[in-house]
N, C-alpha and C. Protein backbone atom coordinates (compact mmCIF):
# COMPACT_ATOMS: atom_id res chain seq x y z
N UNK A 1 -13.18 105.83 29.30
CA UNK A 1 -14.37 106.25 30.07
C UNK A 1 -15.05 104.72 30.02
N UNK A 2 -15.81 104.43 31.32
CA UNK A 2 -16.85 103.35 31.64
C UNK A 2 -18.50 103.69 31.43
N UNK A 3 -18.97 103.27 30.72
CA UNK A 3 -20.11 103.41 30.33
C UNK A 3 -21.14 102.47 31.07
N UNK A 4 -20.58 101.55 31.68
CA UNK A 4 -21.23 100.61 32.72
C UNK A 4 -22.02 101.10 33.85
N UNK A 5 -21.19 102.51 34.51
CA UNK A 5 -21.31 102.34 35.62
C UNK A 5 -21.91 104.35 35.88
N UNK A 6 -23.12 103.48 36.14
CA UNK A 6 -24.26 104.95 36.19
C UNK A 6 -25.13 104.74 37.91
N UNK A 7 -25.70 105.99 38.31
CA UNK A 7 -26.48 105.89 39.49
C UNK A 7 -27.97 104.87 39.37
N UNK A 8 -27.99 104.51 38.36
CA UNK A 8 -29.11 103.19 38.33
C UNK A 8 -29.03 102.04 38.77
N UNK A 9 -29.29 101.82 40.33
CA UNK A 9 -28.99 100.58 40.65
C UNK A 9 -30.12 99.55 40.44
N UNK A 10 -31.19 100.10 39.72
CA UNK A 10 -32.28 99.11 39.27
C UNK A 10 -31.74 98.56 37.97
N UNK A 11 -31.90 97.39 37.96
CA UNK A 11 -31.69 96.56 36.82
C UNK A 11 -33.28 95.83 36.02
N UNK A 12 -33.28 95.62 35.04
CA UNK A 12 -34.33 95.21 34.65
C UNK A 12 -34.34 93.48 34.36
N UNK A 13 -34.43 92.49 35.06
CA UNK A 13 -34.29 91.18 35.26
C UNK A 13 -35.34 90.08 34.78
N UNK A 14 -36.34 90.92 34.16
CA UNK A 14 -37.86 90.66 34.05
C UNK A 14 -37.59 89.16 32.99
N UNK A 15 -36.89 89.49 32.53
CA UNK A 15 -36.59 88.43 30.76
C UNK A 15 -35.88 87.40 31.00
N UNK A 16 -35.25 87.27 32.39
CA UNK A 16 -34.17 86.20 32.68
C UNK A 16 -35.37 85.15 33.49
N UNK A 17 -35.24 83.83 32.98
CA UNK A 17 -36.27 82.86 33.28
C UNK A 17 -34.98 81.98 34.41
N UNK A 18 -35.87 81.77 35.58
CA UNK A 18 -35.01 80.94 36.67
C UNK A 18 -35.98 79.80 37.13
N UNK A 19 -35.36 78.61 36.86
CA UNK A 19 -36.14 77.60 37.55
C UNK A 19 -35.45 77.25 39.04
N UNK A 20 -36.75 77.19 39.88
CA UNK A 20 -36.43 77.26 41.32
C UNK A 20 -37.31 76.02 41.79
N UNK A 21 -36.18 75.34 42.59
CA UNK A 21 -36.52 74.18 42.98
C UNK A 21 -36.69 74.16 45.04
N UNK A 22 -37.91 74.19 45.24
CA UNK A 22 -37.88 73.97 46.90
C UNK A 22 -37.66 72.81 47.82
N UNK A 23 -36.37 72.19 48.15
CA UNK A 23 -36.51 71.32 48.92
C UNK A 23 -37.31 71.83 50.60
N UNK A 24 -38.32 70.46 50.80
CA UNK A 24 -38.93 71.15 52.25
C UNK A 24 -38.39 70.11 53.35
N UNK A 25 -37.47 70.20 53.80
CA UNK A 25 -36.61 69.49 54.90
C UNK A 25 -38.20 69.39 55.98
N UNK A 26 -38.46 70.09 56.32
CA UNK A 26 -40.22 70.00 57.21
C UNK A 26 -41.10 68.75 56.81
N UNK A 27 -41.19 68.37 55.51
CA UNK A 27 -41.81 67.61 55.32
C UNK A 27 -40.96 66.32 55.35
N UNK A 28 -39.95 66.03 54.55
CA UNK A 28 -38.75 64.76 54.81
C UNK A 28 -38.72 64.39 56.14
N UNK A 29 -38.72 65.45 56.82
CA UNK A 29 -37.94 65.42 58.33
C UNK A 29 -39.28 64.59 58.94
N UNK A 30 -40.80 65.15 58.88
CA UNK A 30 -42.04 64.85 59.28
C UNK A 30 -42.57 63.04 58.93
N UNK A 31 -41.64 63.03 58.06
CA UNK A 31 -41.81 61.28 57.44
C UNK A 31 -41.33 60.32 58.40
N UNK A 32 -40.75 60.95 59.57
CA UNK A 32 -39.69 59.99 60.28
C UNK A 32 -40.89 59.42 60.98
N UNK A 33 -42.26 60.09 61.28
CA UNK A 33 -43.43 59.72 62.10
C UNK A 33 -43.85 58.36 61.95
N UNK A 34 -43.84 57.94 60.22
CA UNK A 34 -44.66 57.18 59.90
C UNK A 34 -43.62 55.88 59.27
N UNK A 35 -42.79 56.41 58.84
CA UNK A 35 -41.36 55.51 58.35
C UNK A 35 -40.66 54.98 59.12
N UNK A 36 -39.79 54.11 59.19
CA UNK A 36 -38.82 53.40 59.97
C UNK A 36 -37.86 54.53 60.22
N UNK A 37 -37.78 54.94 61.44
CA UNK A 37 -36.70 56.10 61.50
C UNK A 37 -35.57 55.85 61.19
N UNK A 38 -34.60 54.56 61.80
CA UNK A 38 -33.34 54.70 60.74
C UNK A 38 -33.35 54.48 59.40
N UNK A 39 -33.82 54.25 58.70
CA UNK A 39 -33.71 54.24 57.41
C UNK A 39 -33.93 55.82 57.07
N UNK A 40 -35.24 56.20 57.37
CA UNK A 40 -35.35 57.72 57.16
C UNK A 40 -34.09 58.48 57.84
N UNK A 41 -33.33 58.55 58.53
CA UNK A 41 -32.39 59.51 59.37
C UNK A 41 -31.31 59.06 58.06
N UNK A 42 -30.91 57.98 57.48
CA UNK A 42 -29.79 57.58 56.48
C UNK A 42 -30.09 58.46 55.73
N UNK A 43 -31.51 58.51 54.81
CA UNK A 43 -31.96 59.26 53.74
C UNK A 43 -31.29 60.58 53.70
N UNK A 44 -32.16 61.21 54.95
CA UNK A 44 -31.91 62.48 55.55
C UNK A 44 -30.76 62.90 55.80
N UNK A 45 -29.87 62.02 56.04
CA UNK A 45 -28.15 62.27 56.06
C UNK A 45 -27.80 62.67 54.61
N UNK A 46 -27.92 61.82 53.72
CA UNK A 46 -27.97 61.88 52.60
C UNK A 46 -28.23 63.03 51.34
N UNK A 47 -29.44 63.45 52.19
CA UNK A 47 -30.13 64.42 51.22
C UNK A 47 -29.71 65.92 51.35
N UNK A 48 -29.71 65.97 53.11
CA UNK A 48 -29.12 67.01 53.59
C UNK A 48 -27.79 67.54 54.27
N UNK A 49 -27.10 66.28 54.11
CA UNK A 49 -25.76 66.29 54.67
C UNK A 49 -25.64 67.09 56.01
N UNK A 50 -24.62 68.15 56.29
CA UNK A 50 -24.59 68.30 57.50
C UNK A 50 -25.89 69.23 58.07
N UNK A 51 -26.83 69.71 57.29
CA UNK A 51 -27.60 70.35 58.00
C UNK A 51 -28.64 69.59 58.96
N UNK A 52 -28.90 68.23 58.61
CA UNK A 52 -29.48 67.14 59.31
C UNK A 52 -28.73 67.30 60.50
N UNK A 53 -27.77 66.91 60.72
CA UNK A 53 -26.95 66.67 62.08
C UNK A 53 -27.14 68.11 62.48
N UNK A 54 -26.96 69.11 62.29
CA UNK A 54 -27.21 70.63 63.13
C UNK A 54 -28.27 70.88 63.41
N UNK A 55 -29.46 70.11 62.80
CA UNK A 55 -30.77 70.33 63.19
C UNK A 55 -31.30 69.62 64.14
N UNK A 56 -30.43 67.85 64.12
CA UNK A 56 -30.81 67.16 65.18
C UNK A 56 -29.97 67.56 66.44
N UNK A 57 -28.76 68.01 66.66
CA UNK A 57 -27.74 68.05 67.53
C UNK A 57 -28.06 69.45 68.30
N UNK A 58 -28.00 70.29 67.68
CA UNK A 58 -28.13 71.84 67.80
C UNK A 58 -29.89 72.34 67.63
N UNK A 59 -30.39 72.18 66.86
CA UNK A 59 -31.45 73.08 67.16
C UNK A 59 -32.33 71.89 67.90
N UNK A 60 -32.64 70.88 67.88
CA UNK A 60 -33.75 69.86 68.78
C UNK A 60 -32.57 69.58 70.09
N UNK A 61 -31.50 69.74 70.03
CA UNK A 61 -30.48 69.18 70.86
C UNK A 61 -30.95 67.86 71.44
N UNK A 62 -31.40 66.74 70.55
CA UNK A 62 -31.94 65.39 70.70
C UNK A 62 -30.42 64.32 71.22
N UNK A 63 -29.15 64.94 70.66
CA UNK A 63 -28.41 64.04 71.01
C UNK A 63 -27.69 64.02 69.73
N UNK A 64 -26.57 63.29 69.47
CA UNK A 64 -25.50 62.86 68.51
C UNK A 64 -26.05 61.37 67.72
N UNK A 65 -26.23 62.00 65.83
CA UNK A 65 -26.32 61.17 65.23
C UNK A 65 -25.75 60.13 65.23
N UNK A 66 -24.66 59.95 65.80
CA UNK A 66 -23.96 58.65 65.73
C UNK A 66 -24.62 57.88 66.70
N UNK A 67 -25.04 58.25 67.83
CA UNK A 67 -26.20 57.29 68.60
C UNK A 67 -27.21 57.46 68.33
N UNK A 68 -27.78 56.29 68.18
CA UNK A 68 -29.47 56.09 67.88
C UNK A 68 -30.10 56.33 69.00
N UNK A 69 -29.57 56.39 70.24
CA UNK A 69 -30.95 57.13 71.13
C UNK A 69 -31.39 58.45 70.95
N UNK A 70 -30.77 59.13 69.94
CA UNK A 70 -31.76 60.26 69.62
C UNK A 70 -33.12 60.18 69.21
N UNK A 71 -33.43 58.88 68.47
CA UNK A 71 -34.85 58.28 68.11
C UNK A 71 -35.64 58.72 69.19
N UNK A 72 -35.08 58.22 70.55
CA UNK A 72 -36.57 58.41 71.41
C UNK A 72 -36.46 59.53 71.86
N UNK A 73 -35.80 60.53 71.56
CA UNK A 73 -36.06 62.04 71.74
C UNK A 73 -36.85 62.68 70.71
N UNK A 74 -36.34 61.92 69.41
CA UNK A 74 -37.19 62.40 68.04
C UNK A 74 -39.16 61.67 68.46
N UNK A 75 -39.21 60.68 69.05
CA UNK A 75 -40.54 60.32 68.99
C UNK A 75 -41.33 61.02 69.38
N UNK A 76 -40.84 61.65 70.78
CA UNK A 76 -41.30 62.77 72.56
C UNK A 76 -41.50 63.75 71.41
N UNK A 77 -40.84 64.18 70.60
CA UNK A 77 -40.70 65.67 69.86
C UNK A 77 -41.92 65.35 69.04
N UNK A 78 -42.00 64.08 68.28
CA UNK A 78 -43.18 64.04 67.26
C UNK A 78 -44.44 64.37 67.99
N UNK A 79 -44.86 63.34 69.52
CA UNK A 79 -45.84 63.48 70.42
C UNK A 79 -45.89 64.65 70.82
N UNK A 80 -45.36 65.83 70.59
CA UNK A 80 -45.04 66.98 71.41
C UNK A 80 -46.01 67.99 70.99
N UNK A 81 -46.92 68.70 71.64
CA UNK A 81 -48.10 69.73 71.63
C UNK A 81 -47.34 70.72 70.03
N UNK A 82 -46.23 71.04 71.28
CA UNK A 82 -45.26 72.16 70.73
C UNK A 82 -44.71 71.78 68.91
N UNK A 83 -44.48 70.90 68.90
CA UNK A 83 -44.13 70.23 67.46
C UNK A 83 -45.52 70.12 66.67
N UNK A 84 -46.67 69.53 67.18
CA UNK A 84 -47.74 69.42 66.06
C UNK A 84 -48.27 70.75 66.16
N UNK A 85 -48.39 71.91 66.73
CA UNK A 85 -48.81 72.99 66.43
C UNK A 85 -48.27 73.91 65.52
N UNK A 86 -46.79 73.97 65.69
CA UNK A 86 -45.98 74.46 64.69
C UNK A 86 -46.20 73.79 63.30
N UNK A 87 -46.13 72.26 63.26
CA UNK A 87 -46.43 71.64 61.88
C UNK A 87 -47.82 72.31 61.37
N UNK A 88 -48.78 72.43 62.08
CA UNK A 88 -49.88 72.63 61.79
C UNK A 88 -49.79 74.14 61.28
N UNK A 89 -49.40 75.23 61.75
CA UNK A 89 -49.01 76.98 61.01
C UNK A 89 -48.29 76.49 60.04
N UNK A 90 -47.53 75.57 59.83
CA UNK A 90 -46.26 76.16 59.01
C UNK A 90 -47.23 75.47 57.74
N UNK A 91 -47.82 74.11 57.68
CA UNK A 91 -48.55 73.49 56.74
C UNK A 91 -49.76 74.37 56.49
N UNK A 92 -50.05 75.12 57.14
CA UNK A 92 -51.39 76.48 56.84
C UNK A 92 -50.89 77.46 55.83
N UNK A 93 -49.56 77.50 55.94
CA UNK A 93 -49.00 78.95 55.21
C UNK A 93 -48.16 78.25 54.04
N UNK A 94 -47.47 77.43 54.29
CA UNK A 94 -46.74 76.61 53.12
C UNK A 94 -47.17 74.99 52.85
N UNK A 95 -48.34 74.82 52.29
CA UNK A 95 -48.86 73.58 52.36
C UNK A 95 -47.75 72.64 51.35
């Protein structure tokens, strides 16, 4: 007979310590505004792997990360009102 199976689906996990470290891509990405873009792009590619390429190429549709011409698009994104409004809203909730 199995004694571990029962209808109680709530498990008390309050005594389990969990260390959580949150990486803020938005903060790291925003550093491209103030630091040399090529160096910052290299750091972000190493830190975030394929997420960086997906973000640049698929979310922002800024072009391929293999062609540094996408830096010009990023400069336009950083100057845009939509980016700055979004950054302000996110920073006000998650400082």
